[in-house]
Structure formats: structure tokens, C-alpha cells
Protein backbone atom coordinates (compact mmCIF):
# COMPACT_ATOMS: atom_id res chain seq x y z
CA UNK A 1 40.65 -50.58 62.47
CA UNK A 2 39.54 -48.78 65.50
CA UNK A 3 41.98 -46.23 65.06
CA UNK A 4 41.21 -45.29 61.35
CA UNK A 5 37.51 -45.11 62.31
CA UNK A 6 38.05 -42.72 65.17
CA UNK A 7 40.50 -40.62 63.13
CA UNK A 8 37.95 -40.41 60.21
CA UNK A 9 35.23 -39.41 62.69
CA UNK A 10 37.36 -36.68 64.15
CA UNK A 11 38.34 -35.35 60.65
CA UNK A 12 34.68 -35.38 59.65
CA UNK A 13 33.80 -33.53 62.95
CA UNK A 14 36.58 -30.95 62.28
CA UNK A 15 35.23 -30.26 58.96
CA UNK A 16 31.49 -30.10 59.81
CA UNK A 17 32.26 -27.64 62.70
CA UNK A 18 34.36 -25.35 60.45
CA UNK A 19 31.85 -25.39 57.84
CA UNK A 20 29.17 -24.48 60.25
CA UNK A 21 31.21 -21.72 61.76
CA UNK A 22 32.09 -20.27 58.32
CA UNK A 23 28.46 -20.56 56.91
CA UNK A 24 27.10 -18.87 60.09
CA UNK A 25 29.62 -15.94 59.81
CA UNK A 26 28.88 -15.46 56.16
CA UNK A 27 25.20 -15.48 56.80
CA UNK A 28 25.51 -13.08 59.66
CA UNK A 29 27.73 -10.62 57.61
CA UNK A 30 25.29 -10.85 54.79
CA UNK A 31 22.32 -10.13 56.98
CA UNK A 32 23.92 -7.28 58.66
CA UNK A 33 25.06 -5.68 55.40
CA UNK A 34 21.71 -5.91 53.54
CA UNK A 35 20.20 -2.32 54.05
CA UNK A 36 16.46 -2.27 54.82
CA UNK A 37 14.23 -0.62 52.27
CA UNK A 38 11.21 -0.01 54.85
CA UNK A 39 10.95 0.53 58.38
CA UNK A 40 12.68 2.50 61.08
CA UNK A 41 16.26 1.41 60.17
CA UNK A 42 15.89 2.60 56.44
CA UNK A 43 18.19 5.48 55.69
CA UNK A 44 17.67 6.50 52.04
CA UNK A 45 15.11 5.73 49.11
CA UNK A 46 12.62 4.17 51.61
CA UNK A 47 9.33 2.63 50.78
CA UNK A 48 6.17 4.29 52.13
CA UNK A 49 3.41 2.57 53.97
CA UNK A 50 1.33 0.45 51.49
CA UNK A 51 4.64 -1.15 50.34
CA UNK A 52 3.04 -1.60 46.89
CA UNK A 53 6.68 -1.77 45.41
CA UNK A 54 8.33 -3.97 47.70
CA UNK A 55 8.13 -7.06 45.53
CA UNK A 56 11.00 -5.50 43.38
CA UNK A 57 13.30 -5.81 46.24
CA UNK A 58 12.59 -9.17 47.33
CA UNK A 59 15.41 -11.18 45.81
CA UNK A 60 18.11 -8.70 46.91
CA UNK A 61 16.89 -8.11 50.39
CA UNK A 62 16.55 -11.95 51.29
CA UNK A 63 19.84 -13.29 49.56
CA UNK A 64 21.06 -13.94 53.03
CA UNK A 65 18.59 -16.71 53.72
CA UNK A 66 20.02 -19.06 51.13
CA UNK A 67 23.19 -19.67 53.12
CA UNK A 68 20.97 -19.32 56.54
CA UNK A 69 19.07 -22.46 55.02
CA UNK A 70 22.36 -24.46 55.29
CA UNK A 71 23.01 -23.68 58.98
CA UNK A 72 20.35 -25.97 60.27
CA UNK A 73 21.24 -29.10 58.76
CA UNK A 74 24.93 -28.37 59.33
CA UNK A 75 24.08 -27.96 63.21
CA UNK A 76 22.21 -31.02 63.29
CA UNK A 77 25.16 -33.00 61.75
CA UNK A 78 27.65 -31.33 64.24
CA UNK A 79 25.50 -32.20 67.21
CA UNK A 80 25.31 -35.96 65.92
CA UNK A 81 28.96 -35.96 65.45
CA UNK A 82 29.59 -34.73 68.98
CA UNK A 83 27.06 -37.26 70.31
CA UNK A 84 28.73 -40.17 68.63
CA UNK A 85 32.29 -39.02 69.65
CA UNK A 86 34.80 -41.21 71.38
CA UNK A 87 35.15 -41.79 75.08
CA UNK A 88 36.73 -39.00 77.20
CA UNK A 89 39.19 -39.73 79.82
CA UNK A 90 37.49 -40.82 83.25
CA UNK A 91 34.60 -42.46 81.49
CA UNK A 92 32.71 -39.10 81.02
CA UNK A 93 31.72 -39.44 77.45
CA UNK A 94 28.05 -40.52 78.22
CA UNK A 95 27.42 -37.44 80.31
CA UNK A 96 29.10 -35.01 78.02
CA UNK A 97 27.46 -36.36 74.83
CA UNK A 98 24.16 -36.09 76.63
CA UNK A 99 24.70 -32.43 77.53
CA UNK A 100 25.55 -31.67 74.10
CA UNK A 101 22.15 -32.65 72.83
CA UNK A 102 19.94 -32.42 75.91
CA UNK A 103 18.36 -28.98 74.75
CA UNK A 104 16.93 -30.76 71.71
CA UNK A 105 14.71 -32.79 74.00
CA UNK A 106 10.99 -31.69 74.17
CA UNK A 107 9.99 -30.47 77.48
């Protein structure tokens, strides 16, 4: 029974980490490839200061935000999976698990 639970946790952790990495990579690529329509990095067909026509570009400019919304819950799930991981050799699991989520602690 213990072996099947541990194996299931390992498989879940593998897929959560893979999904987190892939979602983050897709979000990053989409954000970098979205050309700006205003500001110093705009290259062509730029909007001028009062930005009155900017609303026409909002759906296209912020499409990368939809996969970015998935990264936060995936990261929390990944950290919870790491925290509930099995014991490491030498009895170090408690320290390693605490270090994996210690940055979440309010100061």
C-alpha cells in the first residue's frame, strides 16, 4: 500500500513539474513575441500619446496573460507536492521540505 501511494505521488509530482515548466515556457514565448503598440519598444504602426485607440489592441496584446494565470496555481501545487515528498536518505527530508517552501513564509 505504501509503495503504491509513494509511486502515485511521484507520478503526480512529475506531471505537475512538467506542466509548470511547459506552461511557463509557453507564457514566456508568447509574451516576448507580442510586439508592443506603444512605448519605446514599438517599431511600426505605433500609437501616439493620448492612446485613444489602444482599446482596439487589448485582446491581442494580453493573450499571453491567460496561460500566465495558470502558472501561480501550478507553482503552489508543485510546492505542496515537494513539501509532502517522501523521506530522503539520512533523514534530511524535513529540512529539505522546509527549505522548498520557506520563502513563502511572511517576514
